[in-house]
Amino acid sequence: MVQYTLVQSPEIILTVSGKDSAKAREKAMDQLMELMDAGKLPTELEEGFSPQQLIEVKEATIDNTSGEDAITQAVQVLSNLATLKLKVQESRAEALEIRKAVDVLFSDQSVTEEEIARLKEGFKVLKNFAQANIRYQEARAKAEQARQVLDQALKSPEK
């Protein structure tokens, strides 16, 4: 069995027996014409739509036989989390200092050009810290699943 869809309407799946071939595409075109005649096609197709414009839908093959791949991936996710955690920790103190200095911009207190220049340089540190912190939070959420994969792999078989 082969399945086709359209760029204009990816929710439409046309299923034809056999492999991807010119004949299979012609059969899919026949199904497409039936849908159009029945008014069940949500988009208008331009004149000259051809079988070559059909997109073959490939099934996503999930290979559960490779538990080792899942373990390797889990370890990589956790390693990435460790790296991000260090990066966040290293830049946190400096970023918090700069953040405190930002408050001077919102006060009536006068500032020197040097202070503004330091602040502008500090904005880069703040930005880098904030981005690293967001990546760390996202990685931490993904790492929970990785930790579960490892916990499952490390479980002793029941006796």
N, C-alpha and C. Protein backbone atom coordinates (compact mmCIF):
# COMPACT_ATOMS: atom_id res chain seq x y z
N MET A 1 0.84 -1.18 0.00
CA MET A 1 0.00 0.00 0.00
C MET A 1 0.89 1.25 0.00
N VAL A 2 0.45 2.24 -0.74
CA VAL A 2 1.16 3.51 -0.77
C VAL A 2 0.13 4.60 -0.50
N GLN A 3 0.58 5.64 0.19
CA GLN A 3 -0.31 6.75 0.52
C GLN A 3 0.27 8.04 -0.03
N TYR A 4 -0.65 8.90 -0.48
CA TYR A 4 -0.25 10.20 -1.02
C TYR A 4 -1.04 11.30 -0.33
N THR A 5 -0.46 12.49 -0.34
CA THR A 5 -1.16 13.66 0.17
C THR A 5 -0.83 14.84 -0.74
N LEU A 6 -1.42 15.98 -0.44
CA LEU A 6 -1.20 17.19 -1.24
C LEU A 6 -0.58 18.25 -0.35
N VAL A 7 0.27 19.07 -0.92
CA VAL A 7 0.85 20.18 -0.17
C VAL A 7 -0.26 21.11 0.32
N GLN A 8 -1.26 21.32 -0.55
CA GLN A 8 -2.34 22.25 -0.23
C GLN A 8 -3.26 21.71 0.87
N SER A 9 -3.37 20.37 0.98
CA SER A 9 -4.26 19.75 1.98
C SER A 9 -3.59 18.52 2.57
N PRO A 10 -2.65 18.69 3.49
CA PRO A 10 -1.95 17.53 4.04
C PRO A 10 -2.84 16.59 4.84
N GLU A 11 -4.02 17.06 5.23
CA GLU A 11 -4.92 16.18 5.98
C GLU A 11 -5.59 15.14 5.08
N ILE A 12 -5.55 15.35 3.77
CA ILE A 12 -6.13 14.41 2.81
C ILE A 12 -5.11 13.32 2.54
N ILE A 13 -5.49 12.07 2.78
CA ILE A 13 -4.63 10.92 2.51
C ILE A 13 -5.32 10.05 1.48
N LEU A 14 -4.61 9.81 0.39
CA LEU A 14 -5.13 8.95 -0.68
C LEU A 14 -4.35 7.64 -0.62
N THR A 15 -5.05 6.53 -0.40
CA THR A 15 -4.40 5.24 -0.26
C THR A 15 -4.64 4.40 -1.51
N VAL A 16 -3.56 3.85 -2.05
CA VAL A 16 -3.62 3.05 -3.27
C VAL A 16 -2.82 1.77 -3.02
N SER A 17 -3.29 0.65 -3.57
CA SER A 17 -2.55 -0.59 -3.40
C SER A 17 -1.30 -0.58 -4.28
N GLY A 18 -0.29 -1.30 -3.86
CA GLY A 18 0.95 -1.39 -4.62
C GLY A 18 2.01 -0.45 -4.10
N LYS A 19 3.07 -0.29 -4.91
CA LYS A 19 4.19 0.59 -4.56
C LYS A 19 4.04 1.92 -5.29
N ASP A 20 4.87 2.86 -4.93
CA ASP A 20 4.86 4.17 -5.60
C ASP A 20 5.26 3.97 -7.05
N SER A 21 4.35 4.28 -7.95
CA SER A 21 4.61 4.15 -9.39
C SER A 21 3.70 5.12 -10.13
N ALA A 22 3.93 5.23 -11.43
CA ALA A 22 3.08 6.11 -12.23
C ALA A 22 1.63 5.62 -12.19
N LYS A 23 1.45 4.31 -12.22
CA LYS A 23 0.10 3.73 -12.20
C LYS A 23 -0.58 4.02 -10.85
N ALA A 24 0.16 3.87 -9.76
CA ALA A 24 -0.39 4.14 -8.43
C ALA A 24 -0.76 5.62 -8.31
N ARG A 25 0.06 6.48 -8.85
CA ARG A 25 -0.22 7.92 -8.80
C ARG A 25 -1.47 8.26 -9.62
N GLU A 26 -1.66 7.56 -10.74
CA GLU A 26 -2.86 7.78 -11.56
C GLU A 26 -4.11 7.36 -10.77
N LYS A 27 -4.01 6.24 -10.05
CA LYS A 27 -5.14 5.79 -9.22
C LYS A 27 -5.43 6.82 -8.13
N ALA A 28 -4.38 7.37 -7.54
CA ALA A 28 -4.55 8.40 -6.51
C ALA A 28 -5.20 9.64 -7.11
N MET A 29 -4.82 9.97 -8.34
CA MET A 29 -5.43 11.12 -9.02
C MET A 29 -6.92 10.88 -9.24
N ASP A 30 -7.29 9.63 -9.58
CA ASP A 30 -8.70 9.28 -9.75
C ASP A 30 -9.45 9.52 -8.43
N GLN A 31 -8.85 9.09 -7.31
CA GLN A 31 -9.48 9.31 -6.00
C GLN A 31 -9.61 10.80 -5.71
N LEU A 32 -8.57 11.55 -6.08
CA LEU A 32 -8.57 12.99 -5.87
C LEU A 32 -9.69 13.65 -6.67
N MET A 33 -9.87 13.21 -7.91
CA MET A 33 -10.94 13.76 -8.76
C MET A 33 -12.31 13.46 -8.15
N GLU A 34 -12.47 12.24 -7.59
CA GLU A 34 -13.74 11.88 -6.94
C GLU A 34 -14.02 12.81 -5.76
N LEU A 35 -12.98 13.08 -4.97
CA LEU A 35 -13.14 13.99 -3.83
C LEU A 35 -13.53 15.39 -4.30
N MET A 36 -12.89 15.83 -5.38
CA MET A 36 -13.19 17.16 -5.90
C MET A 36 -14.63 17.21 -6.42
N ASP A 37 -15.06 16.17 -7.14
CA ASP A 37 -16.41 16.13 -7.68
C ASP A 37 -17.45 16.09 -6.56
N ALA A 38 -17.11 15.43 -5.45
CA ALA A 38 -18.04 15.31 -4.33
C ALA A 38 -17.99 16.56 -3.44
N GLY A 39 -17.09 17.48 -3.74
CA GLY A 39 -16.98 18.70 -2.94
C GLY A 39 -16.32 18.46 -1.60
N LYS A 40 -15.55 17.38 -1.47
CA LYS A 40 -14.93 17.04 -0.20
C LYS A 40 -13.47 17.47 -0.10
N LEU A 41 -12.99 18.20 -1.10
CA LEU A 41 -11.61 18.68 -1.06
C LEU A 41 -11.63 20.11 -0.53
N PRO A 42 -10.99 20.36 0.62
CA PRO A 42 -11.09 21.68 1.25
C PRO A 42 -10.37 22.81 0.52
N THR A 43 -9.52 22.48 -0.46
CA THR A 43 -8.79 23.53 -1.17
C THR A 43 -9.06 23.44 -2.65
N GLU A 44 -8.88 24.56 -3.31
CA GLU A 44 -8.99 24.60 -4.77
C GLU A 44 -7.62 24.29 -5.34
N LEU A 45 -7.59 23.37 -6.30
CA LEU A 45 -6.32 23.04 -6.94
C LEU A 45 -6.19 23.84 -8.22
N GLU A 46 -4.98 24.28 -8.48
CA GLU A 46 -4.75 25.04 -9.70
C GLU A 46 -4.93 24.14 -10.91
N GLU A 47 -5.22 24.77 -12.04
CA GLU A 47 -5.32 24.02 -13.29
C GLU A 47 -3.97 23.34 -13.53
N GLY A 48 -4.01 22.13 -14.05
CA GLY A 48 -2.78 21.45 -14.40
C GLY A 48 -2.14 20.69 -13.25
N PHE A 49 -2.88 20.41 -12.19
CA PHE A 49 -2.33 19.61 -11.09
C PHE A 49 -2.00 18.23 -11.65
N SER A 50 -0.80 17.76 -11.37
CA SER A 50 -0.38 16.49 -11.97
C SER A 50 -0.06 15.45 -10.91
N PRO A 51 -0.03 14.18 -11.31
CA PRO A 51 0.30 13.11 -10.37
C PRO A 51 1.68 13.29 -9.74
N GLN A 52 2.58 13.97 -10.44
CA GLN A 52 3.92 14.16 -9.89
C GLN A 52 3.91 15.11 -8.69
N GLN A 53 2.85 15.89 -8.54
CA GLN A 53 2.76 16.81 -7.42
C GLN A 53 2.23 16.15 -6.15
N LEU A 54 1.77 14.90 -6.28
CA LEU A 54 1.34 14.16 -5.10
C LEU A 54 2.57 13.84 -4.25
N ILE A 55 2.41 13.91 -2.97
CA ILE A 55 3.53 13.65 -2.06
C ILE A 55 3.29 12.30 -1.41
N GLU A 56 4.28 11.43 -1.52
CA GLU A 56 4.15 10.10 -0.91
C GLU A 56 4.29 10.24 0.60
N VAL A 57 3.37 9.60 1.32
CA VAL A 57 3.40 9.61 2.78
C VAL A 57 4.12 8.36 3.22
N LYS A 58 5.21 8.55 3.92
CA LYS A 58 5.98 7.41 4.42
C LYS A 58 5.65 7.23 5.89
N GLU A 59 5.44 6.00 6.29
CA GLU A 59 5.16 5.70 7.69
C GLU A 59 6.43 5.93 8.50
N ALA A 60 6.28 6.58 9.60
CA ALA A 60 7.42 6.76 10.49
C ALA A 60 7.66 5.44 11.19
N THR A 61 8.79 4.85 10.92
CA THR A 61 9.07 3.56 11.52
C THR A 61 9.76 3.78 12.85
N ILE A 62 9.14 3.28 13.87
CA ILE A 62 9.69 3.38 15.22
C ILE A 62 10.29 2.02 15.53
N ASP A 63 11.59 2.00 15.66
CA ASP A 63 12.29 0.75 15.89
C ASP A 63 12.50 0.58 17.39
N ASN A 64 11.60 -0.16 18.01
CA ASN A 64 11.70 -0.36 19.44
C ASN A 64 12.69 -1.46 19.80
N THR A 65 13.23 -2.12 18.78
CA THR A 65 14.16 -3.20 19.06
C THR A 65 15.51 -2.66 19.52
N SER A 66 15.78 -1.41 19.28
CA SER A 66 17.09 -0.88 19.65
C SER A 66 17.01 -0.11 20.96
N GLY A 67 16.90 -0.84 22.04
CA GLY A 67 16.89 -0.23 23.36
C GLY A 67 18.20 0.46 23.65
N GLU A 68 19.27 -0.04 23.02
CA GLU A 68 20.58 0.57 23.22
C GLU A 68 20.60 1.99 22.68
N ASP A 69 19.91 2.22 21.55
CA ASP A 69 19.84 3.57 20.99
C ASP A 69 19.12 4.50 21.95
N ALA A 70 18.06 4.01 22.56
CA ALA A 70 17.31 4.83 23.52
C ALA A 70 18.19 5.17 24.72
N ILE A 71 18.99 4.22 25.16
CA ILE A 71 19.88 4.45 26.30
C ILE A 71 20.96 5.47 25.92
N THR A 72 21.53 5.29 24.73
CA THR A 72 22.56 6.22 24.26
C THR A 72 21.99 7.63 24.16
N GLN A 73 20.80 7.74 23.61
CA GLN A 73 20.17 9.05 23.48
C GLN A 73 19.87 9.63 24.86
N ALA A 74 19.42 8.80 25.79
CA ALA A 74 19.12 9.27 27.14
C ALA A 74 20.39 9.82 27.80
N VAL A 75 21.50 9.12 27.63
CA VAL A 75 22.76 9.58 28.21
C VAL A 75 23.18 10.90 27.58
N GLN A 76 22.99 11.05 26.27
CA GLN A 76 23.33 12.31 25.61
C GLN A 76 22.48 13.46 26.13
N VAL A 77 21.20 13.20 26.33
CA VAL A 77 20.30 14.24 26.86
C VAL A 77 20.75 14.66 28.25
N LEU A 78 21.11 13.69 29.08
CA LEU A 78 21.56 14.00 30.43
C LEU A 78 22.91 14.72 30.42
N SER A 79 23.78 14.35 29.51
CA SER A 79 25.08 15.03 29.37
C SER A 79 24.87 16.49 28.97
N ASN A 80 23.94 16.71 28.04
CA ASN A 80 23.61 18.07 27.63
C ASN A 80 23.06 18.87 28.81
N LEU A 81 22.22 18.23 29.61
CA LEU A 81 21.68 18.90 30.79
C LEU A 81 22.79 19.31 31.75
N ALA A 82 23.75 18.42 31.95
CA ALA A 82 24.87 18.72 32.85
C ALA A 82 25.67 19.92 32.35
N THR A 83 25.93 19.95 31.05
CA THR A 83 26.69 21.05 30.46
C THR A 83 25.93 22.37 30.62
N LEU A 84 24.63 22.34 30.33
CA LEU A 84 23.82 23.55 30.46
C LEU A 84 23.74 24.02 31.91
N LYS A 85 23.65 23.07 32.84
CA LYS A 85 23.57 23.44 34.25
C LYS A 85 24.84 24.17 34.68
N LEU A 86 26.01 23.66 34.26
CA LEU A 86 27.27 24.33 34.58
C LEU A 86 27.31 25.73 33.99
N LYS A 87 26.90 25.86 32.75
CA LYS A 87 26.92 27.15 32.06
C LYS A 87 26.03 28.16 32.80
N VAL A 88 24.85 27.72 33.21
CA VAL A 88 23.92 28.59 33.94
C VAL A 88 24.51 28.99 35.28
N GLN A 89 25.07 28.02 36.00
CA GLN A 89 25.64 28.31 37.32
C GLN A 89 26.80 29.30 37.22
N GLU A 90 27.64 29.11 36.20
CA GLU A 90 28.82 29.97 36.06
C GLU A 90 28.44 31.42 35.77
N SER A 91 27.36 31.62 35.04
CA SER A 91 27.01 32.98 34.65
C SER A 91 25.92 33.61 35.53
N ARG A 92 25.35 32.85 36.43
CA ARG A 92 24.24 33.36 37.26
C ARG A 92 24.65 34.56 38.12
N ALA A 93 25.73 34.44 38.86
CA ALA A 93 26.13 35.51 39.79
C ALA A 93 26.38 36.82 39.03
N GLU A 94 27.11 36.73 37.94
CA GLU A 94 27.41 37.94 37.16
C GLU A 94 26.12 38.53 36.58
N ALA A 95 25.24 37.68 36.10
CA ALA A 95 23.98 38.15 35.52
C ALA A 95 23.12 38.84 36.58
N LEU A 96 23.10 38.30 37.79
CA LEU A 96 22.31 38.92 38.87
C LEU A 96 22.89 40.28 39.26
N GLU A 97 24.21 40.41 39.24
CA GLU A 97 24.83 41.70 39.53
C GLU A 97 24.43 42.74 38.49
N ILE A 98 24.48 42.32 37.23
CA ILE A 98 24.11 43.23 36.14
C ILE A 98 22.63 43.59 36.25
N ARG A 99 21.82 42.61 36.60
CA ARG A 99 20.38 42.85 36.74
C ARG A 99 20.12 43.92 37.80
N LYS A 100 20.85 43.86 38.90
CA LYS A 100 20.70 44.89 39.94
C LYS A 100 21.08 46.26 39.39
N ALA A 101 22.12 46.29 38.58
CA ALA A 101 22.59 47.55 38.01
C ALA A 101 21.56 48.14 37.04
N VAL A 102 20.75 47.32 36.44
CA VAL A 102 19.72 47.79 35.50
C VAL A 102 18.73 48.72 36.20
N ASP A 103 18.50 48.47 37.47
CA ASP A 103 17.53 49.28 38.22
C ASP A 103 17.89 50.78 38.22
N VAL A 104 19.17 51.08 38.06
CA VAL A 104 19.58 52.48 38.03
C VAL A 104 18.96 53.22 36.85
N LEU A 105 18.65 52.52 35.79
CA LEU A 105 18.02 53.14 34.62
C LEU A 105 16.60 53.63 34.93
N PHE A 106 15.99 53.04 35.94
CA PHE A 106 14.61 53.38 36.28
C PHE A 106 14.50 54.32 37.49
N SER A 107 15.64 54.81 37.91
CA SER A 107 15.61 55.72 39.05
C SER A 107 15.93 57.14 38.57
N ASP A 108 15.77 58.08 39.47
CA ASP A 108 16.09 59.47 39.15
C ASP A 108 17.57 59.76 39.38
N GLN A 109 18.30 58.77 39.84
CA GLN A 109 19.73 58.91 40.11
C GLN A 109 20.48 59.12 38.79
N SER A 110 21.45 60.03 38.81
CA SER A 110 22.22 60.28 37.59
C SER A 110 23.27 59.18 37.40
N VAL A 111 23.60 58.92 36.14
CA VAL A 111 24.58 57.87 35.81
C VAL A 111 25.64 58.45 34.88
N THR A 112 26.81 57.86 34.94
CA THR A 112 27.91 58.31 34.08
C THR A 112 27.91 57.50 32.79
N GLU A 113 28.65 58.01 31.82
CA GLU A 113 28.78 57.29 30.56
C GLU A 113 29.45 55.94 30.78
N GLU A 114 30.39 55.90 31.71
CA GLU A 114 31.08 54.64 32.01
C GLU A 114 30.11 53.59 32.55
N GLU A 115 29.21 54.04 33.45
CA GLU A 115 28.22 53.10 34.00
C GLU A 115 27.31 52.57 32.89
N ILE A 116 26.91 53.45 32.00
CA ILE A 116 26.06 53.03 30.87
C ILE A 116 26.82 52.06 29.97
N ALA A 117 28.08 52.35 29.73
CA ALA A 117 28.91 51.47 28.89
C ALA A 117 29.03 50.09 29.53
N ARG A 118 29.25 50.07 30.86
CA ARG A 118 29.33 48.78 31.58
C ARG A 118 28.00 48.04 31.48
N LEU A 119 26.91 48.79 31.63
CA LEU A 119 25.58 48.17 31.52
C LEU A 119 25.38 47.54 30.14
N LYS A 120 25.74 48.29 29.12
CA LYS A 120 25.57 47.79 27.75
C LYS A 120 26.38 46.52 27.53
N GLU A 121 27.58 46.48 28.07
CA GLU A 121 28.38 45.26 27.99
C GLU A 121 27.71 44.14 28.78
N GLY A 122 27.15 44.51 29.92
CA GLY A 122 26.49 43.54 30.78
C GLY A 122 25.24 42.95 30.16
N PHE A 123 24.60 43.69 29.27
CA PHE A 123 23.39 43.17 28.62
C PHE A 123 23.68 41.89 27.85
N LYS A 124 24.90 41.82 27.31
CA LYS A 124 25.28 40.59 26.59
C LYS A 124 25.33 39.41 27.55
N VAL A 125 25.88 39.66 28.73
CA VAL A 125 25.95 38.61 29.74
C VAL A 125 24.54 38.21 30.18
N LEU A 126 23.69 39.23 30.40
CA LEU A 126 22.30 38.95 30.78
C LEU A 126 21.60 38.11 29.71
N LYS A 127 21.77 38.50 28.47
CA LYS A 127 21.14 37.79 27.36
C LYS A 127 21.64 36.34 27.30
N ASN A 128 22.95 36.16 27.39
CA ASN A 128 23.51 34.81 27.34
C ASN A 128 23.03 33.96 28.50
N PHE A 129 22.98 34.56 29.68
CA PHE A 129 22.49 33.82 30.84
C PHE A 129 21.02 33.44 30.67
N ALA A 130 20.21 34.39 30.24
CA ALA A 130 18.78 34.13 30.08
C ALA A 130 18.54 33.03 29.04
N GLN A 131 19.26 33.09 27.93
CA GLN A 131 19.10 32.06 26.90
C GLN A 131 19.57 30.70 27.41
N ALA A 132 20.70 30.68 28.10
CA ALA A 132 21.20 29.42 28.65
C ALA A 132 20.22 28.86 29.68
N ASN A 133 19.65 29.75 30.48
CA ASN A 133 18.70 29.31 31.51
C ASN A 133 17.44 28.71 30.87
N ILE A 134 16.97 29.33 29.80
CA ILE A 134 15.79 28.79 29.10
C ILE A 134 16.13 27.42 28.51
N ARG A 135 17.30 27.33 27.86
CA ARG A 135 17.71 26.03 27.28
C ARG A 135 17.84 24.98 28.38
N TYR A 136 18.36 25.39 29.54
CA TYR A 136 18.50 24.48 30.67
C TYR A 136 17.14 23.98 31.14
N GLN A 137 16.18 24.90 31.28
CA GLN A 137 14.83 24.51 31.73
C GLN A 137 14.19 23.54 30.74
N GLU A 138 14.34 23.82 29.43
CA GLU A 138 13.79 22.92 28.41
C GLU A 138 14.49 21.57 28.44
N ALA A 139 15.81 21.59 28.59
CA ALA A 139 16.58 20.34 28.63
C ALA A 139 16.22 19.54 29.88
N ARG A 140 15.95 20.23 30.96
CA ARG A 140 15.59 19.54 32.20
C ARG A 140 14.28 18.77 32.04
N ALA A 141 13.33 19.38 31.33
CA ALA A 141 12.06 18.70 31.09
C ALA A 141 12.29 17.45 30.24
N LYS A 142 13.13 17.56 29.21
CA LYS A 142 13.43 16.40 28.37
C LYS A 142 14.22 15.34 29.14
N ALA A 143 15.06 15.79 30.03
CA ALA A 143 15.92 14.88 30.79
C ALA A 143 15.12 14.01 31.74
N GLU A 144 13.96 14.47 32.17
CA GLU A 144 13.11 13.64 33.03
C GLU A 144 12.78 12.32 32.33
N GLN A 145 12.43 12.41 31.07
CA GLN A 145 12.12 11.22 30.30
C GLN A 145 13.38 10.37 30.12
N ALA A 146 14.51 11.00 29.88
CA ALA A 146 15.76 10.28 29.72
C ALA A 146 16.12 9.55 31.01
N ARG A 147 15.87 10.19 32.13
CA ARG A 147 16.15 9.55 33.42
C ARG A 147 15.28 8.31 33.60
N GLN A 148 14.03 8.40 33.18
CA GLN A 148 13.14 7.24 33.27
C GLN A 148 13.62 6.09 32.39
N VAL A 149 14.12 6.43 31.19
CA VAL A 149 14.65 5.39 30.29
C VAL A 149 15.82 4.68 30.96
N LEU A 150 16.72 5.46 31.55
CA LEU A 150 17.86 4.85 32.23
C LEU A 150 17.44 4.05 33.45
N ASP A 151 16.51 4.58 34.23
CA ASP A 151 16.02 3.84 35.40
C ASP A 151 15.44 2.49 34.98
N GLN A 152 14.69 2.49 33.88
CA GLN A 152 14.10 1.26 33.38
C GLN A 152 15.20 0.29 32.93
N ALA A 153 16.21 0.81 32.26
CA ALA A 153 17.30 -0.04 31.77
C ALA A 153 18.16 -0.58 32.90
N LEU A 154 18.24 0.15 34.00
CA LEU A 154 19.07 -0.26 35.12
C LEU A 154 18.36 -1.16 36.13
N LYS A 155 17.06 -1.32 35.94
CA LYS A 155 16.28 -2.16 36.85
C LYS A 155 16.78 -3.59 36.80
N SER A 156 16.81 -4.21 37.95
CA SER A 156 17.18 -5.62 38.00
C SER A 156 15.99 -6.45 37.58
N PRO A 157 16.24 -7.54 36.86
CA PRO A 157 15.11 -8.40 36.48
C PRO A 157 14.50 -9.03 37.75
N GLU A 158 13.20 -9.13 37.75
CA GLU A 158 12.49 -9.71 38.90
C GLU A 158 12.89 -11.16 39.04
N LYS A 159 13.12 -11.58 40.30
CA LYS A 159 13.53 -12.98 40.55
C LYS A 159 12.36 -13.79 40.97
